[in-house]
Structure formats: C-alpha cells, structure tokens
Amino acid sequence: MIGSLEGEVLLTLQRLKKASARQVLASLNRPGTPLAYTTVATVLARLHAKGLVRRTREPCRGGQRYVYRSVDFEHKYLVNVLRGVVTLFGPSGVVHLNEELAKLKPSEERELRRRLKL
C-alpha cells in the first residue's frame, strides 16, 4: 500500500519522467504546504525499496545524486493489492473477490485485465 504523499510523488515523477529529489520537491511545493527536501528524499527511497521507481546515480556539483525514473507501478501495485486480499482474508476473501469480479461489466473486466497484463 502507498500513502497519499507517496502517491503525489509517484504522479509527479510520472509527469516529469526523470527527476532528482530536489526537482520533485520543486514540483510538489505549493504555498501554504511546504515540504522538506529530506521528506521527499525519504519518500523516493521508500518507493525505490518497494520497486515503484528506479534510480541511477549521476554526478552533480559537490558529489553525486540519485535521479529517479517512473516505472509502470500500476500493474505491480494492483497485483500487490490482490495478494494482500488473499493474505489478509484467506479463502473467504478470495470467494468474495471472485463474486465482485463476476459483477463487472465486460468493459470493466477488459480494463482490469489490461491493467493486470492478463
């Protein structure tokens, strides 16, 4: 699962395609809701640990920095949510999930299959 700030960072990085923590911070900061650089850097590191972003090192003034790239996180996220349902609720959760999936319209089912790459 991802939190709201993680979601904002992911969407920002997806829009920017590739960015350092400072660039993500500049894109996220709005008057009245300032974020700290360390907060954004920590969120990016956690997203990297979850496999939701990629990063490479590049030289910069005074040393090196990570540059982050967005990845297709939607598929991985949806699969993790489905695994969470199975883990948390066991067989009864799977039965309920199947019942809910059976209620989908054909277009919704196709879209879900596309997103899950099935």
PDB file of N, CA and C in Angstrom:
ATOM      1  N   MET A   1       0.834  -1.168   0.000  1.00  0.00           N
ATOM      2  CA  MET A   1       0.000   0.000   0.000  1.00  0.00           C
ATOM      3  C   MET A   1       0.891   1.248   0.000  1.00  0.00           C
ATOM      4  N   ILE A   2       0.348   2.302  -0.577  1.00  0.00           N
ATOM      5  CA  ILE A   2       1.092   3.554  -0.597  1.00  0.00           C
ATOM      6  C   ILE A   2       0.254   4.647   0.048  1.00  0.00           C
ATOM      7  N   GLY A   3       0.941   5.588   0.678  1.00  0.00           N
ATOM      8  CA  GLY A   3       0.263   6.698   1.320  1.00  0.00           C
ATOM      9  C   GLY A   3      -0.020   7.821   0.333  1.00  0.00           C
ATOM     10  N   SER A   4      -0.705   8.842   0.809  1.00  0.00           N
ATOM     11  CA  SER A   4      -1.086   9.942  -0.078  1.00  0.00           C
ATOM     12  C   SER A   4       0.132  10.716  -0.585  1.00  0.00           C
ATOM     13  N   LEU A   5       1.123  10.955   0.268  1.00  0.00           N
ATOM     14  CA  LEU A   5       2.321  11.668  -0.183  1.00  0.00           C
ATOM     15  C   LEU A   5       3.097  10.818  -1.193  1.00  0.00           C
ATOM     16  N   GLU A   6       3.172   9.514  -0.933  1.00  0.00           N
ATOM     17  CA  GLU A   6       3.832   8.631  -1.902  1.00  0.00           C
ATOM     18  C   GLU A   6       3.111   8.693  -3.252  1.00  0.00           C
ATOM     19  N   GLY A   7       1.792   8.715  -3.221  1.00  0.00           N
ATOM     20  CA  GLY A   7       1.021   8.816  -4.454  1.00  0.00           C
ATOM     21  C   GLY A   7       1.301  10.114  -5.193  1.00  0.00           C
ATOM     22  N   GLU A   8       1.374  11.219  -4.449  1.00  0.00           N
ATOM     23  CA  GLU A   8       1.682  12.507  -5.073  1.00  0.00           C
ATOM     24  C   GLU A   8       3.072  12.499  -5.704  1.00  0.00           C
ATOM     25  N   VAL A   9       4.028  11.919  -4.983  1.00  0.00           N
ATOM     26  CA  VAL A   9       5.399  11.844  -5.505  1.00  0.00           C
ATOM     27  C   VAL A   9       5.432  10.983  -6.762  1.00  0.00           C
ATOM     28  N   LEU A  10       4.734   9.847  -6.750  1.00  0.00           N
ATOM     29  CA  LEU A  10       4.689   8.978  -7.929  1.00  0.00           C
ATOM     30  C   LEU A  10       4.086   9.692  -9.136  1.00  0.00           C
ATOM     31  N   LEU A  11       2.984  10.381  -8.925  1.00  0.00           N
ATOM     32  CA  LEU A  11       2.343  11.098 -10.026  1.00  0.00           C
ATOM     33  C   LEU A  11       3.236  12.225 -10.546  1.00  0.00           C
ATOM     34  N   THR A  12       3.909  12.911  -9.642  1.00  0.00           N
ATOM     35  CA  THR A  12       4.824  13.976 -10.046  1.00  0.00           C
ATOM     36  C   THR A  12       5.969  13.406 -10.863  1.00  0.00           C
ATOM     37  N   LEU A  13       6.546  12.313 -10.388  1.00  0.00           N
ATOM     38  CA  LEU A  13       7.660  11.698 -11.103  1.00  0.00           C
ATOM     39  C   LEU A  13       7.202  11.150 -12.456  1.00  0.00           C
ATOM     40  N   GLN A  14       6.005  10.625 -12.506  1.00  0.00           N
ATOM     41  CA  GLN A  14       5.476  10.131 -13.782  1.00  0.00           C
ATOM     42  C   GLN A  14       5.346  11.281 -14.782  1.00  0.00           C
ATOM     43  N   ARG A  15       4.911  12.429 -14.301  1.00  0.00           N
ATOM     44  CA  ARG A  15       4.777  13.595 -15.168  1.00  0.00           C
ATOM     45  C   ARG A  15       6.142  14.123 -15.618  1.00  0.00           C
ATOM     46  N   LEU A  16       7.125  14.120 -14.709  1.00  0.00           N
ATOM     47  CA  LEU A  16       8.457  14.640 -15.015  1.00  0.00           C
ATOM     48  C   LEU A  16       9.307  13.645 -15.809  1.00  0.00           C
ATOM     49  N   LYS A  17       8.940  12.372 -15.789  1.00  0.00           N
ATOM     50  CA  LYS A  17       9.667  11.273 -16.446  1.00  0.00           C
ATOM     51  C   LYS A  17      10.953  10.906 -15.697  1.00  0.00           C
ATOM     52  N   LYS A  18      11.780  11.888 -15.383  1.00  0.00           N
ATOM     53  CA  LYS A  18      13.038  11.641 -14.685  1.00  0.00           C
ATOM     54  C   LYS A  18      13.358  12.890 -13.881  1.00  0.00           C
ATOM     55  N   ALA A  19      13.748  12.717 -12.605  1.00  0.00           N
ATOM     56  CA  ALA A  19      13.998  13.891 -11.773  1.00  0.00           C
ATOM     57  C   ALA A  19      14.784  13.510 -10.525  1.00  0.00           C
ATOM     58  N   SER A  20      15.506  14.476 -10.007  1.00  0.00           N
ATOM     59  CA  SER A  20      16.181  14.311  -8.720  1.00  0.00           C
ATOM     60  C   SER A  20      15.163  14.622  -7.614  1.00  0.00           C
ATOM     61  N   ALA A  21      15.541  14.331  -6.375  1.00  0.00           N
ATOM     62  CA  ALA A  21      14.651  14.630  -5.249  1.00  0.00           C
ATOM     63  C   ALA A  21      14.351  16.129  -5.200  1.00  0.00           C
ATOM     64  N   ARG A  22      15.349  16.954  -5.480  1.00  0.00           N
ATOM     65  CA  ARG A  22      15.147  18.401  -5.451  1.00  0.00           C
ATOM     66  C   ARG A  22      14.160  18.860  -6.530  1.00  0.00           C
ATOM     67  N   GLN A  23      14.226  18.246  -7.706  1.00  0.00           N
ATOM     68  CA  GLN A  23      13.289  18.594  -8.779  1.00  0.00           C
ATOM     69  C   GLN A  23      11.863  18.158  -8.434  1.00  0.00           C
ATOM     70  N   VAL A  24      11.738  16.985  -7.825  1.00  0.00           N
ATOM     71  CA  VAL A  24      10.412  16.525  -7.385  1.00  0.00           C
ATOM     72  C   VAL A  24       9.876  17.477  -6.324  1.00  0.00           C
ATOM     73  N   LEU A  25      10.734  17.872  -5.381  1.00  0.00           N
ATOM     74  CA  LEU A  25      10.344  18.808  -4.334  1.00  0.00           C
ATOM     75  C   LEU A  25       9.850  20.123  -4.931  1.00  0.00           C
ATOM     76  N   ALA A  26      10.594  20.658  -5.889  1.00  0.00           N
ATOM     77  CA  ALA A  26      10.206  21.931  -6.514  1.00  0.00           C
ATOM     78  C   ALA A  26       8.846  21.810  -7.199  1.00  0.00           C
ATOM     79  N   SER A  27       8.578  20.663  -7.783  1.00  0.00           N
ATOM     80  CA  SER A  27       7.302  20.458  -8.474  1.00  0.00           C
ATOM     81  C   SER A  27       6.147  20.264  -7.491  1.00  0.00           C
ATOM     82  N   LEU A  28       6.445  19.701  -6.327  1.00  0.00           N
ATOM     83  CA  LEU A  28       5.404  19.433  -5.331  1.00  0.00           C
ATOM     84  C   LEU A  28       5.077  20.630  -4.452  1.00  0.00           C
ATOM     85  N   ASN A  29       6.080  21.456  -4.130  1.00  0.00           N
ATOM     86  CA  ASN A  29       5.871  22.545  -3.173  1.00  0.00           C
ATOM     87  C   ASN A  29       4.884  23.582  -3.692  1.00  0.00           C
ATOM     88  N   ARG A  30       3.925  23.863  -2.820  1.00  0.00           N
ATOM     89  CA  ARG A  30       2.914  24.872  -3.113  1.00  0.00           C
ATOM     90  C   ARG A  30       2.844  25.818  -1.911  1.00  0.00           C
ATOM     91  N   PRO A  31       2.470  27.050  -2.135  1.00  0.00           N
ATOM     92  CA  PRO A  31       2.346  27.974  -1.000  1.00  0.00           C
ATOM     93  C   PRO A  31       1.398  27.412   0.066  1.00  0.00           C
ATOM     94  N   GLY A  32       1.826  27.500   1.305  1.00  0.00           N
ATOM     95  CA  GLY A  32       0.988  27.027   2.410  1.00  0.00           C
ATOM     96  C   GLY A  32       1.177  25.565   2.758  1.00  0.00           C
ATOM     97  N   THR A  33       1.813  24.788   1.889  1.00  0.00           N
ATOM     98  CA  THR A  33       2.054  23.369   2.173  1.00  0.00           C
ATOM     99  C   THR A  33       3.493  23.003   1.819  1.00  0.00           C
ATOM    100  N   PRO A  34       4.460  23.631   2.484  1.00  0.00           N
ATOM    101  CA  PRO A  34       5.852  23.342   2.141  1.00  0.00           C
ATOM    102  C   PRO A  34       6.270  21.945   2.622  1.00  0.00           C
ATOM    103  N   LEU A  35       7.092  21.310   1.817  1.00  0.00           N
ATOM    104  CA  LEU A  35       7.670  20.016   2.176  1.00  0.00           C
ATOM    105  C   LEU A  35       9.167  20.201   2.356  1.00  0.00           C
ATOM    106  N   ALA A  36       9.767  19.379   3.193  1.00  0.00           N
ATOM    107  CA  ALA A  36      11.209  19.409   3.374  1.00  0.00           C
ATOM    108  C   ALA A  36      11.874  18.517   2.332  1.00  0.00           C
ATOM    109  N   TYR A  37      13.071  18.883   1.937  1.00  0.00           N
ATOM    110  CA  TYR A  37      13.848  18.078   0.990  1.00  0.00           C
ATOM    111  C   TYR A  37      14.016  16.658   1.528  1.00  0.00           C
ATOM    112  N   THR A  38      14.324  16.548   2.818  1.00  0.00           N
ATOM    113  CA  THR A  38      14.551  15.221   3.409  1.00  0.00           C
ATOM    114  C   THR A  38      13.300  14.351   3.349  1.00  0.00           C
ATOM    115  N   THR A  39      12.142  14.967   3.454  1.00  0.00           N
ATOM    116  CA  THR A  39      10.883  14.217   3.369  1.00  0.00           C
ATOM    117  C   THR A  39      10.729  13.603   1.981  1.00  0.00           C
ATOM    118  N   VAL A  40      10.956  14.418   0.954  1.00  0.00           N
ATOM    119  CA  VAL A  40      10.825  13.927  -0.424  1.00  0.00           C
ATOM    120  C   VAL A  40      11.885  12.870  -0.717  1.00  0.00           C
ATOM    121  N   ALA A  41      13.116  13.096  -0.265  1.00  0.00           N
ATOM    122  CA  ALA A  41      14.191  12.120  -0.487  1.00  0.00           C
ATOM    123  C   ALA A  41      13.865  10.793   0.195  1.00  0.00           C
ATOM    124  N   THR A  42      13.308  10.851   1.393  1.00  0.00           N
ATOM    125  CA  THR A  42      12.920   9.632   2.121  1.00  0.00           C
ATOM    126  C   THR A  42      11.800   8.901   1.401  1.00  0.00           C
ATOM    127  N   VAL A  43      10.799   9.634   0.930  1.00  0.00           N
ATOM    128  CA  VAL A  43       9.686   9.019   0.203  1.00  0.00           C
ATOM    129  C   VAL A  43      10.206   8.346  -1.066  1.00  0.00           C
ATOM    130  N   LEU A  44      11.088   9.017  -1.799  1.00  0.00           N
ATOM    131  CA  LEU A  44      11.651   8.419  -3.017  1.00  0.00           C
ATOM    132  C   LEU A  44      12.449   7.160  -2.699  1.00  0.00           C
ATOM    133  N   ALA A  45      13.216   7.183  -1.620  1.00  0.00           N
ATOM    134  CA  ALA A  45      13.986   5.993  -1.223  1.00  0.00           C
ATOM    135  C   ALA A  45      13.048   4.838  -0.875  1.00  0.00           C
ATOM    136  N   ARG A  46      11.960   5.127  -0.194  1.00  0.00           N
ATOM    137  CA  ARG A  46      10.985   4.075   0.155  1.00  0.00           C
ATOM    138  C   ARG A  46      10.287   3.529  -1.091  1.00  0.00           C
ATOM    139  N   LEU A  47       9.953   4.422  -2.025  1.00  0.00           N
ATOM    140  CA  LEU A  47       9.331   3.973  -3.276  1.00  0.00           C
ATOM    141  C   LEU A  47      10.301   3.105  -4.071  1.00  0.00           C
ATOM    142  N   HIS A  48      11.576   3.447  -4.012  1.00  0.00           N
ATOM    143  CA  HIS A  48      12.592   2.626  -4.685  1.00  0.00           C
ATOM    144  C   HIS A  48      12.674   1.247  -4.027  1.00  0.00           C
ATOM    145  N   ALA A  49      12.658   1.219  -2.701  1.00  0.00           N
ATOM    146  CA  ALA A  49      12.711  -0.054  -1.971  1.00  0.00           C
ATOM    147  C   ALA A  49      11.489  -0.926  -2.290  1.00  0.00           C
ATOM    148  N   LYS A  50      10.353  -0.306  -2.565  1.00  0.00           N
ATOM    149  CA  LYS A  50       9.136  -1.039  -2.923  1.00  0.00           C
ATOM    150  C   LYS A  50       9.113  -1.431  -4.397  1.00  0.00           C
ATOM    151  N   GLY A  51      10.113  -0.962  -5.159  1.00  0.00           N
ATOM    152  CA  GLY A  51      10.168  -1.294  -6.577  1.00  0.00           C
ATOM    153  C   GLY A  51       9.250  -0.460  -7.446  1.00  0.00           C
ATOM    154  N   LEU A  52       8.791   0.673  -6.924  1.00  0.00           N
ATOM    155  CA  LEU A  52       7.854   1.503  -7.672  1.00  0.00           C
ATOM    156  C   LEU A  52       8.535   2.605  -8.480  1.00  0.00           C
ATOM    157  N   VAL A  53       9.816   2.861  -8.211  1.00  0.00           N
ATOM    158  CA  VAL A  53      10.611   3.792  -9.016  1.00  0.00           C
ATOM    159  C   VAL A  53      12.003   3.193  -9.208  1.00  0.00           C
ATOM    160  N   ARG A  54      12.672   3.637 -10.251  1.00  0.00           N
ATOM    161  CA  ARG A  54      14.065   3.241 -10.490  1.00  0.00           C
ATOM    162  C   ARG A  54      14.943   4.441 -10.210  1.00  0.00           C
ATOM    163  N   ARG A  55      16.204   4.181  -9.880  1.00  0.00           N
ATOM    164  CA  ARG A  55      17.113   5.297  -9.675  1.00  0.00           C
ATOM    165  C   ARG A  55      18.503   4.955 -10.184  1.00  0.00           C
ATOM    166  N   THR A  56      19.196   6.000 -10.597  1.00  0.00           N
ATOM    167  CA  THR A  56      20.594   5.879 -11.013  1.00  0.00           C
ATOM    168  C   THR A  56      21.356   7.019 -10.361  1.00  0.00           C
ATOM    169  N   ARG A  57      22.645   6.803 -10.194  1.00  0.00           N
ATOM    170  CA  ARG A  57      23.495   7.874  -9.654  1.00  0.00           C
ATOM    171  C   ARG A  57      24.043   8.684 -10.805  1.00  0.00           C
ATOM    172  N   GLU A  58      24.144   9.974 -10.564  1.00  0.00           N
ATOM    173  CA  GLU A  58      24.779  10.826 -11.561  1.00  0.00           C
ATOM    174  C   GLU A  58      25.586  11.900 -10.825  1.00  0.00           C
ATOM    175  N   PRO A  59      26.671  12.317 -11.447  1.00  0.00           N
ATOM    176  CA  PRO A  59      27.486  13.347 -10.797  1.00  0.00           C
ATOM    177  C   PRO A  59      26.742  14.680 -10.756  1.00  0.00           C
ATOM    178  N   CYS A  60      26.982  15.421  -9.725  1.00  0.00           N
ATOM    179  CA  CYS A  60      26.422  16.763  -9.611  1.00  0.00           C
ATOM    180  C   CYS A  60      27.424  17.626  -8.854  1.00  0.00           C
ATOM    181  N   ARG A  61      27.142  18.894  -8.762  1.00  0.00           N
ATOM    182  CA  ARG A  61      28.038  19.795  -8.055  1.00  0.00           C
ATOM    183  C   ARG A  61      28.212  19.321  -6.616  1.00  0.00           C
ATOM    184  N   GLY A  62      29.426  19.029  -6.235  1.00  0.00           N
ATOM    185  CA  GLY A  62      29.702  18.620  -4.868  1.00  0.00           C
ATOM    186  C   GLY A  62      29.603  17.126  -4.616  1.00  0.00           C
ATOM    187  N   GLY A  63      29.369  16.318  -5.627  1.00  0.00           N
ATOM    188  CA  GLY A  63      29.305  14.878  -5.391  1.00  0.00           C
ATOM    189  C   GLY A  63      28.415  14.156  -6.374  1.00  0.00           C
ATOM    190  N   GLN A  64      27.546  13.312  -5.819  1.00  0.00           N
ATOM    191  CA  GLN A  64      26.632  12.540  -6.648  1.00  0.00           C
ATOM    192  C   GLN A  64      25.226  12.661  -6.081  1.00  0.00           C
ATOM    193  N   ARG A  65      24.258  12.360  -6.944  1.00  0.00           N
ATOM    194  CA  ARG A  65      22.862  12.357  -6.511  1.00  0.00           C
ATOM    195  C   ARG A  65      22.133  11.245  -7.253  1.00  0.00           C
ATOM    196  N   TYR A  66      21.001  10.863  -6.699  1.00  0.00           N
ATOM    197  CA  TYR A  66      20.148   9.903  -7.383  1.00  0.00           C
ATOM    198  C   TYR A  66      19.199  10.653  -8.316  1.00  0.00           C
ATOM    199  N   VAL A  67      18.989  10.058  -9.472  1.00  0.00           N
ATOM    200  CA  VAL A  67      17.963  10.543 -10.395  1.00  0.00           C
ATOM    201  C   VAL A  67      16.945   9.415 -10.508  1.00  0.00           C
ATOM    202  N   TYR A  68      15.695   9.749 -10.278  1.00  0.00           N
ATOM    203  CA  TYR A  68      14.625   8.759 -10.237  1.00  0.00           C
ATOM    204  C   TYR A  68      13.829   8.775 -11.530  1.00  0.00           C
ATOM    205  N   ARG A  69      13.352   7.601 -11.909  1.00  0.00           N
ATOM    206  CA  ARG A  69      12.510   7.450 -13.095  1.00  0.00           C
ATOM    207  C   ARG A  69      11.253   6.688 -12.692  1.00  0.00           C
ATOM    208  N   SER A  70      10.170   7.082 -13.297  1.00  0.00           N
ATOM    209  CA  SER A  70       8.920   6.384 -13.013  1.00  0.00           C
ATOM    210  C   SER A  70       8.924   5.040 -13.742  1.00  0.00           C
ATOM    211  N   VAL A  71       8.277   4.070 -13.165  1.00  0.00           N
ATOM    212  CA  VAL A  71       8.109   2.756 -13.787  1.00  0.00           C
ATOM    213  C   VAL A  71       6.616   2.470 -13.859  1.00  0.00           C
ATOM    214  N   ASP A  72       6.254   1.403 -14.532  1.00  0.00           N
ATOM    215  CA  ASP A  72       4.848   1.011 -14.613  1.00  0.00           C
ATOM    216  C   ASP A  72       4.455   0.426 -13.257  1.00  0.00           C
ATOM    217  N   PHE A  73       4.123   1.310 -12.328  1.00  0.00           N
ATOM    218  CA  PHE A  73       3.824   0.873 -10.970  1.00  0.00           C
ATOM    219  C   PHE A  73       2.396   0.386 -10.821  1.00  0.00           C
ATOM    220  N   GLU A  74       1.521   0.745 -11.744  1.00  0.00           N
ATOM    221  CA  GLU A  74       0.118   0.373 -11.616  1.00  0.00           C
ATOM    222  C   GLU A  74      -0.053  -1.141 -11.564  1.00  0.00           C
ATOM    223  N   HIS A  75       0.575  -1.856 -12.478  1.00  0.00           N
ATOM    224  CA  HIS A  75       0.470  -3.313 -12.522  1.00  0.00           C
ATOM    225  C   HIS A  75       0.963  -3.922 -11.213  1.00  0.00           C
ATOM    226  N   LYS A  76       2.162  -3.506 -10.798  1.00  0.00           N
ATOM    227  CA  LYS A  76       2.746  -4.061  -9.580  1.00  0.00           C
ATOM    228  C   LYS A  76       1.872  -3.746  -8.364  1.00  0.00           C
ATOM    229  N   TYR A  77       1.343  -2.537  -8.307  1.00  0.00           N
ATOM    230  CA  TYR A  77       0.503  -2.128  -7.189  1.00  0.00           C
ATOM    231  C   TYR A  77      -0.779  -2.956  -7.142  1.00  0.00           C
ATOM    232  N   LEU A  78      -1.452  -3.117  -8.287  1.00  0.00           N
ATOM    233  CA  LEU A  78      -2.695  -3.897  -8.325  1.00  0.00           C
ATOM    234  C   LEU A  78      -2.459  -5.348  -7.919  1.00  0.00           C
ATOM    235  N   VAL A  79      -1.376  -5.930  -8.396  1.00  0.00           N
ATOM    236  CA  VAL A  79      -1.058  -7.315  -8.035  1.00  0.00           C
ATOM    237  C   VAL A  79      -0.812  -7.413  -6.526  1.00  0.00           C
ATOM    238  N   ASN A  80      -0.100  -6.435  -5.955  1.00  0.00           N
ATOM    239  CA  ASN A  80       0.155  -6.452  -4.512  1.00  0.00           C
ATOM    240  C   ASN A  80      -1.127  -6.298  -3.707  1.00  0.00           C
ATOM    241  N   VAL A  81      -2.056  -5.484  -4.197  1.00  0.00           N
ATOM    242  CA  VAL A  81      -3.345  -5.337  -3.512  1.00  0.00           C
ATOM    243  C   VAL A  81      -4.100  -6.671  -3.528  1.00  0.00           C
ATOM    244  N   LEU A  82      -4.112  -7.327  -4.677  1.00  0.00           N
ATOM    245  CA  LEU A  82      -4.794  -8.624  -4.764  1.00  0.00           C
ATOM    246  C   LEU A  82      -4.140  -9.654  -3.846  1.00  0.00           C
ATOM    247  N   ARG A  83      -2.819  -9.664  -3.800  1.00  0.00           N
ATOM    248  CA  ARG A  83      -2.128 -10.583  -2.878  1.00  0.00           C
ATOM    249  C   ARG A  83      -2.467 -10.255  -1.434  1.00  0.00           C
ATOM    250  N   GLY A  84      -2.602  -8.959  -1.130  1.00  0.00           N
ATOM    251  CA  GLY A  84      -2.967  -8.547   0.221  1.00  0.00           C
ATOM    252  C   GLY A  84      -4.329  -9.055   0.616  1.00  0.00           C
ATOM    253  N   VAL A  85      -5.274  -9.032  -0.314  1.00  0.00           N
ATOM    254  CA  VAL A  85      -6.623  -9.553  -0.040  1.00  0.00           C
ATOM    255  C   VAL A  85      -6.532 -11.031   0.321  1.00  0.00           C
ATOM    256  N   VAL A  86      -5.764 -11.778  -0.456  1.00  0.00           N
ATOM    257  CA  VAL A  86      -5.618 -13.215  -0.204  1.00  0.00           C
ATOM    258  C   VAL A  86      -4.950 -13.456   1.143  1.00  0.00           C
ATOM    259  N   THR A  87      -3.899 -12.699   1.432  1.00  0.00           N
ATOM    260  CA  THR A  87      -3.170 -12.882   2.690  1.00  0.00           C
ATOM    261  C   THR A  87      -4.016 -12.501   3.896  1.00  0.00           C
ATOM    262  N   LEU A  88      -4.699 -11.366   3.803  1.00  0.00           N
ATOM    263  CA  LEU A  88      -5.470 -10.872   4.953  1.00  0.00           C
ATOM    264  C   LEU A  88      -6.755 -11.648   5.201  1.00  0.00           C
ATOM    265  N   PHE A  89      -7.436 -12.032   4.124  1.00  0.00           N
ATOM    266  CA  PHE A  89      -8.769 -12.596   4.286  1.00  0.00           C
ATOM    267  C   PHE A  89      -8.866 -14.078   3.955  1.00  0.00           C
ATOM    268  N   GLY A  90      -7.799 -14.668   3.440  1.00  0.00           N
ATOM    269  CA  GLY A  90      -7.788 -16.099   3.166  1.00  0.00           C
ATOM    270  C   GLY A  90      -8.825 -16.522   2.144  1.00  0.00           C
ATOM    271  N   PRO A  91      -9.267 -17.777   2.228  1.00  0.00           N
ATOM    272  CA  PRO A  91     -10.209 -18.317   1.248  1.00  0.00           C
ATOM    273  C   PRO A  91     -11.510 -17.537   1.132  1.00  0.00           C
ATOM    274  N   SER A  92     -12.040 -17.034   2.247  1.00  0.00           N
ATOM    275  CA  SER A  92     -13.303 -16.280   2.168  1.00  0.00           C
ATOM    276  C   SER A  92     -13.099 -14.972   1.410  1.00  0.00           C
ATOM    277  N   GLY A  93     -11.925 -14.365   1.541  1.00  0.00           N
ATOM    278  CA  GLY A  93     -11.625 -13.155   0.788  1.00  0.00           C
ATOM    279  C   GLY A  93     -11.553 -13.417  -0.696  1.00  0.00           C
ATOM    280  N   VAL A  94     -10.985 -14.569  -1.065  1.00  0.00           N
ATOM    281  CA  VAL A  94     -10.896 -14.942  -2.479  1.00  0.00           C
ATOM    282  C   VAL A  94     -12.295 -15.173  -3.047  1.00  0.00           C
ATOM    283  N   VAL A  95     -13.162 -15.840  -2.281  1.00  0.00           N
ATOM    284  CA  VAL A  95     -14.532 -16.080  -2.728  1.00  0.00           C
ATOM    285  C   VAL A  95     -15.245 -14.742  -2.945  1.00  0.00           C
ATOM    286  N   HIS A  96     -15.129 -13.846  -1.986  1.00  0.00           N
ATOM    287  CA  HIS A  96     -15.778 -12.538  -2.107  1.00  0.00           C
ATOM    288  C   HIS A  96     -15.213 -11.754  -3.296  1.00  0.00           C
ATOM    289  N   LEU A  97     -13.900 -11.787  -3.470  1.00  0.00           N
ATOM    290  CA  LEU A  97     -13.271 -11.106  -4.601  1.00  0.00           C
ATOM    291  C   LEU A  97     -13.809 -11.651  -5.922  1.00  0.00           C
ATOM    292  N   ASN A  98     -13.916 -12.981  -6.025  1.00  0.00           N
ATOM    293  CA  ASN A  98     -14.467 -13.593  -7.248  1.00  0.00           C
ATOM    294  C   ASN A  98     -15.909 -13.161  -7.485  1.00  0.00           C
ATOM    295  N   GLU A  99     -16.681 -13.071  -6.412  1.00  0.00           N
ATOM    296  CA  GLU A  99     -18.073 -12.620  -6.559  1.00  0.00           C
ATOM    297  C   GLU A  99     -18.129 -11.186  -7.081  1.00  0.00           C
ATOM    298  N   GLU A 100     -17.263 -10.334  -6.568  1.00  0.00           N
ATOM    299  CA  GLU A 100     -17.242  -8.938  -7.017  1.00  0.00           C
ATOM    300  C   GLU A 100     -16.747  -8.829  -8.458  1.00  0.00           C
ATOM    301  N   LEU A 101     -15.773  -9.644  -8.814  1.00  0.00           N
ATOM    302  CA  LEU A 101     -15.269  -9.631 -10.190  1.00  0.00           C
ATOM    303  C   LEU A 101     -16.342 -10.091 -11.172  1.00  0.00           C
ATOM    304  N   ALA A 102     -17.175 -11.019 -10.736  1.00  0.00           N
ATOM    305  CA  ALA A 102     -18.251 -11.523 -11.605  1.00  0.00           C
ATOM    306  C   ALA A 102     -19.284 -10.436 -11.898  1.00  0.00           C
ATOM    307  N   LYS A 103     -19.355  -9.408 -11.054  1.00  0.00           N
ATOM    308  CA  LYS A 103     -20.318  -8.323 -11.241  1.00  0.00           C
ATOM    309  C   LYS A 103     -19.816  -7.249 -12.211  1.00  0.00           C
ATOM    310  N   LEU A 104     -18.564  -7.338 -12.623  1.00  0.00           N
ATOM    311  CA  LEU A 104     -18.003  -6.319 -13.517  1.00  0.00           C
ATOM    312  C   LEU A 104     -18.663  -6.360 -14.885  1.00  0.00           C
ATOM    313  N   LYS A 105     -18.809  -5.190 -15.474  1.00  0.00           N
ATOM    314  CA  LYS A 105     -19.261  -5.110 -16.863  1.00  0.00           C
ATOM    315  C   LYS A 105     -18.121  -5.625 -17.738  1.00  0.00           C
ATOM    316  N   PRO A 106     -18.424  -6.140 -18.924  1.00  0.00           N
ATOM    317  CA  PRO A 106     -17.359  -6.630 -19.806  1.00  0.00           C
ATOM    318  C   PRO A 106     -16.258  -5.604 -20.062  1.00  0.00           C
ATOM    319  N   SER A 107     -16.631  -4.341 -20.232  1.00  0.00           N
ATOM    320  CA  SER A 107     -15.621  -3.301 -20.479  1.00  0.00           C
ATOM    321  C   SER A 107     -14.737  -3.098 -19.253  1.00  0.00           C
ATOM    322  N   GLU A 108     -15.315  -3.193 -18.049  1.00  0.00           N
ATOM    323  CA  GLU A 108     -14.531  -3.057 -16.817  1.00  0.00           C
ATOM    324  C   GLU A 108     -13.587  -4.244 -16.640  1.00  0.00           C
ATOM    325  N   GLU A 109     -14.077  -5.425 -16.985  1.00  0.00           N
ATOM    326  CA  GLU A 109     -13.229  -6.620 -16.887  1.00  0.00           C
ATOM    327  C   GLU A 109     -12.057  -6.526 -17.853  1.00  0.00           C
ATOM    328  N   ARG A 110     -12.320  -6.082 -19.086  1.00  0.00           N
ATOM    329  CA  ARG A 110     -11.236  -5.919 -20.065  1.00  0.00           C
ATOM    330  C   ARG A 110     -10.196  -4.923 -19.567  1.00  0.00           C
ATOM    331  N   GLU A 111     -10.680  -3.819 -18.995  1.00  0.00           N
ATOM    332  CA  GLU A 111      -9.752  -2.801 -18.483  1.00  0.00           C
ATOM    333  C   GLU A 111      -8.915  -3.346 -17.332  1.00  0.00           C
ATOM    334  N   LEU A 112      -9.535  -4.107 -16.428  1.00  0.00           N
ATOM    335  CA  LEU A 112      -8.792  -4.704 -15.329  1.00  0.00           C
ATOM    336  C   LEU A 112      -7.763  -5.704 -15.844  1.00  0.00           C
ATOM    337  N   ARG A 113      -8.165  -6.536 -16.781  1.00  0.00           N
ATOM    338  CA  ARG A 113      -7.217  -7.494 -17.380  1.00  0.00           C
ATOM    339  C   ARG A 113      -6.048  -6.779 -18.060  1.00  0.00           C
ATOM    340  N   ARG A 114      -6.366  -5.659 -18.738  1.00  0.00           N
ATOM    341  CA  ARG A 114      -5.305  -4.888 -19.393  1.00  0.00           C
ATOM    342  C   ARG A 114      -4.329  -4.350 -18.354  1.00  0.00           C
ATOM    343  N   ARG A 115      -4.872  -3.818 -17.278  1.00  0.00           N
ATOM    344  CA  ARG A 115      -4.007  -3.245 -16.235  1.00  0.00           C
ATOM    345  C   ARG A 115      -3.195  -4.296 -15.514  1.00  0.00           C
ATOM    346  N   LEU A 116      -3.757  -5.482 -15.360  1.00  0.00           N
ATOM    347  CA  LEU A 116      -3.040  -6.575 -14.707  1.00  0.00           C
ATOM    348  C   LEU A 116      -2.158  -7.354 -15.699  1.00  0.00           C
ATOM    349  N   LYS A 117      -2.253  -6.989 -16.958  1.00  0.00           N
ATOM    350  CA  LYS A 117      -1.476  -7.635 -18.027  1.00  0.00           C
ATOM    351  C   LYS A 117      -1.781  -9.111 -18.109  1.00  0.00           C
ATOM    352  N   LEU A 118      -3.080  -9.437 -18.045  1.00  0.00           N
ATOM    353  CA  LEU A 118      -3.522 -10.836 -18.143  1.00  0.00           C
ATOM    354  C   LEU A 118      -3.952 -11.157 -19.558  1.00  0.00           C
TER     355      LEU A 118
END
